[in-house]
Amino acid sequence: MYYECSPVWDGEDDLFDVCSLDDLDLLPNLRRTVGARNCGLGVPFKAEILEARGIIAD
């Protein structure tokens, strides 16, 4: 998937890092995330937001 979005991405930057959950409405069928509890430093991650939408955060 990453290659389709950015064919020359080398993984050295934060291009695909999740920085907010503001666009969560764009993923209405999302039911589970893996690694969401380790979103990185300074990320306004709220497990409550995911859980309120019925999304399992492993």
N, C-alpha and C. Protein backbone atom coordinates (compact mmCIF):
# COMPACT_ATOMS: atom_id res chain seq x y z
N MET A 1 0.81 -1.18 0.00
CA MET A 1 0.00 0.00 0.00
C MET A 1 0.87 1.25 0.00
N TYR A 2 1.94 1.26 0.78
CA TYR A 2 2.78 2.44 0.85
C TYR A 2 3.39 2.78 -0.51
N TYR A 3 3.80 1.76 -1.24
CA TYR A 3 4.41 1.98 -2.55
C TYR A 3 3.42 2.63 -3.51
N GLU A 4 2.15 2.22 -3.44
CA GLU A 4 1.14 2.80 -4.32
C GLU A 4 0.93 4.28 -4.03
N CYS A 5 1.03 4.66 -2.77
CA CYS A 5 0.84 6.06 -2.39
C CYS A 5 2.07 6.92 -2.65
N SER A 6 3.24 6.35 -2.45
CA SER A 6 4.48 7.10 -2.63
C SER A 6 5.57 6.14 -3.10
N PRO A 7 5.70 5.95 -4.42
CA PRO A 7 6.63 4.96 -4.97
C PRO A 7 8.10 5.15 -4.58
N VAL A 8 8.50 6.36 -4.23
CA VAL A 8 9.91 6.58 -3.90
C VAL A 8 10.15 6.73 -2.40
N TRP A 9 9.13 6.41 -1.59
CA TRP A 9 9.28 6.54 -0.14
C TRP A 9 10.26 5.51 0.37
N ASP A 10 11.21 5.95 1.19
CA ASP A 10 12.25 5.05 1.70
C ASP A 10 12.06 4.69 3.17
N GLY A 11 10.99 5.17 3.78
CA GLY A 11 10.74 4.84 5.19
C GLY A 11 11.52 5.67 6.17
N GLU A 12 12.24 6.65 5.69
CA GLU A 12 13.11 7.45 6.56
C GLU A 12 12.43 8.65 7.18
N ASP A 13 11.19 8.92 6.80
CA ASP A 13 10.50 10.08 7.37
C ASP A 13 9.15 9.66 7.95
N ASP A 14 8.37 10.64 8.33
CA ASP A 14 7.10 10.36 9.00
C ASP A 14 5.89 10.50 8.08
N LEU A 15 6.06 10.26 6.81
CA LEU A 15 5.01 10.44 5.82
C LEU A 15 3.73 9.69 6.17
N PHE A 16 3.83 8.49 6.68
CA PHE A 16 2.66 7.67 6.96
C PHE A 16 2.34 7.53 8.44
N ASP A 17 2.95 8.35 9.27
CA ASP A 17 2.65 8.30 10.70
C ASP A 17 1.26 8.87 10.97
N VAL A 18 0.52 8.24 11.85
CA VAL A 18 -0.79 8.73 12.25
C VAL A 18 -0.58 9.82 13.28
N CYS A 19 -1.01 11.03 12.93
CA CYS A 19 -0.79 12.17 13.82
C CYS A 19 -2.06 12.64 14.52
N SER A 20 -3.21 12.21 14.03
CA SER A 20 -4.46 12.56 14.69
C SER A 20 -5.53 11.57 14.24
N LEU A 21 -6.65 11.62 14.90
CA LEU A 21 -7.78 10.77 14.55
C LEU A 21 -8.91 11.61 13.95
N ASP A 22 -8.60 12.80 13.47
CA ASP A 22 -9.62 13.71 12.93
C ASP A 22 -10.35 13.15 11.72
N ASP A 23 -9.67 12.35 10.91
CA ASP A 23 -10.27 11.81 9.69
C ASP A 23 -10.85 10.41 9.87
N LEU A 24 -11.11 10.02 11.08
CA LEU A 24 -11.61 8.68 11.36
C LEU A 24 -12.94 8.40 10.66
N ASP A 25 -13.70 9.43 10.40
CA ASP A 25 -14.99 9.25 9.69
C ASP A 25 -14.78 8.73 8.27
N LEU A 26 -13.59 8.89 7.72
CA LEU A 26 -13.31 8.42 6.37
C LEU A 26 -13.09 6.90 6.33
N LEU A 27 -13.04 6.26 7.49
CA LEU A 27 -12.83 4.82 7.59
C LEU A 27 -14.02 4.16 8.31
N PRO A 28 -15.20 4.20 7.72
CA PRO A 28 -16.39 3.71 8.43
C PRO A 28 -16.37 2.20 8.70
N ASN A 29 -15.58 1.44 7.96
CA ASN A 29 -15.54 -0.01 8.15
C ASN A 29 -14.36 -0.47 9.01
N LEU A 30 -13.61 0.47 9.55
CA LEU A 30 -12.48 0.10 10.40
C LEU A 30 -13.00 -0.54 11.68
N ARG A 31 -12.51 -1.73 11.97
CA ARG A 31 -12.96 -2.46 13.15
C ARG A 31 -11.82 -2.78 14.11
N ARG A 32 -10.57 -2.74 13.61
CA ARG A 32 -9.44 -3.11 14.46
C ARG A 32 -8.18 -2.41 13.98
N THR A 33 -7.37 -1.98 14.94
CA THR A 33 -6.06 -1.43 14.62
C THR A 33 -5.01 -2.22 15.40
N VAL A 34 -3.85 -2.33 14.83
CA VAL A 34 -2.74 -3.02 15.49
C VAL A 34 -1.62 -2.01 15.68
N GLY A 35 -1.14 -1.89 16.89
CA GLY A 35 -0.06 -0.96 17.20
C GLY A 35 -0.51 0.45 17.46
N ALA A 36 -1.80 0.67 17.57
CA ALA A 36 -2.30 2.03 17.77
C ALA A 36 -1.95 2.59 19.14
N ARG A 37 -1.70 1.74 20.08
CA ARG A 37 -1.36 2.22 21.42
C ARG A 37 0.06 2.78 21.47
N ASN A 38 0.86 2.52 20.44
CA ASN A 38 2.22 3.04 20.37
C ASN A 38 2.35 4.01 19.21
N CYS A 39 1.51 5.02 19.21
CA CYS A 39 1.46 5.96 18.08
C CYS A 39 2.66 6.88 17.98
N GLY A 40 3.48 6.94 18.96
CA GLY A 40 4.65 7.81 18.89
C GLY A 40 4.55 8.96 19.88
N LEU A 41 5.58 9.75 19.90
CA LEU A 41 5.66 10.85 20.85
C LEU A 41 4.84 12.04 20.38
N GLY A 42 4.11 12.62 21.27
CA GLY A 42 3.37 13.82 20.97
C GLY A 42 2.09 13.63 20.18
N VAL A 43 1.69 12.40 19.95
CA VAL A 43 0.48 12.15 19.17
C VAL A 43 -0.72 12.22 20.09
N PRO A 44 -1.73 13.01 19.71
CA PRO A 44 -2.91 13.11 20.56
C PRO A 44 -3.81 11.89 20.40
N PHE A 45 -3.27 10.72 20.72
CA PHE A 45 -4.02 9.47 20.57
C PHE A 45 -4.92 9.26 21.76
N LYS A 46 -6.16 8.93 21.50
CA LYS A 46 -7.12 8.67 22.56
C LYS A 46 -7.78 7.32 22.32
N ALA A 47 -7.47 6.35 23.16
CA ALA A 47 -8.08 5.02 23.04
C ALA A 47 -9.58 5.12 23.18
N GLU A 48 -10.05 6.10 23.95
CA GLU A 48 -11.48 6.25 24.16
C GLU A 48 -12.22 6.55 22.85
N ILE A 49 -11.58 7.29 21.96
CA ILE A 49 -12.20 7.63 20.67
C ILE A 49 -12.44 6.36 19.87
N LEU A 50 -11.43 5.50 19.80
CA LEU A 50 -11.56 4.26 19.06
C LEU A 50 -12.58 3.34 19.71
N GLU A 51 -12.49 3.19 21.00
CA GLU A 51 -13.40 2.30 21.72
C GLU A 51 -14.85 2.77 21.60
N ALA A 52 -15.09 4.07 21.59
CA ALA A 52 -16.45 4.59 21.45
C ALA A 52 -17.03 4.26 20.09
N ARG A 53 -16.19 4.07 19.11
CA ARG A 53 -16.64 3.72 17.76
C ARG A 53 -16.64 2.21 17.52
N GLY A 54 -16.35 1.45 18.57
CA GLY A 54 -16.35 0.00 18.44
C GLY A 54 -15.13 -0.56 17.74
N ILE A 55 -14.04 0.21 17.76
CA ILE A 55 -12.79 -0.21 17.11
C ILE A 55 -11.89 -0.80 18.17
N ILE A 56 -11.40 -2.00 17.91
CA ILE A 56 -10.48 -2.67 18.83
C ILE A 56 -9.08 -2.16 18.56
N ALA A 57 -8.41 -1.67 19.59
CA ALA A 57 -7.04 -1.18 19.48
C ALA A 57 -6.11 -2.13 20.21
N ASP A 58 -5.38 -2.93 19.45
CA ASP A 58 -4.43 -3.88 20.04
C ASP A 58 -3.10 -3.23 20.28
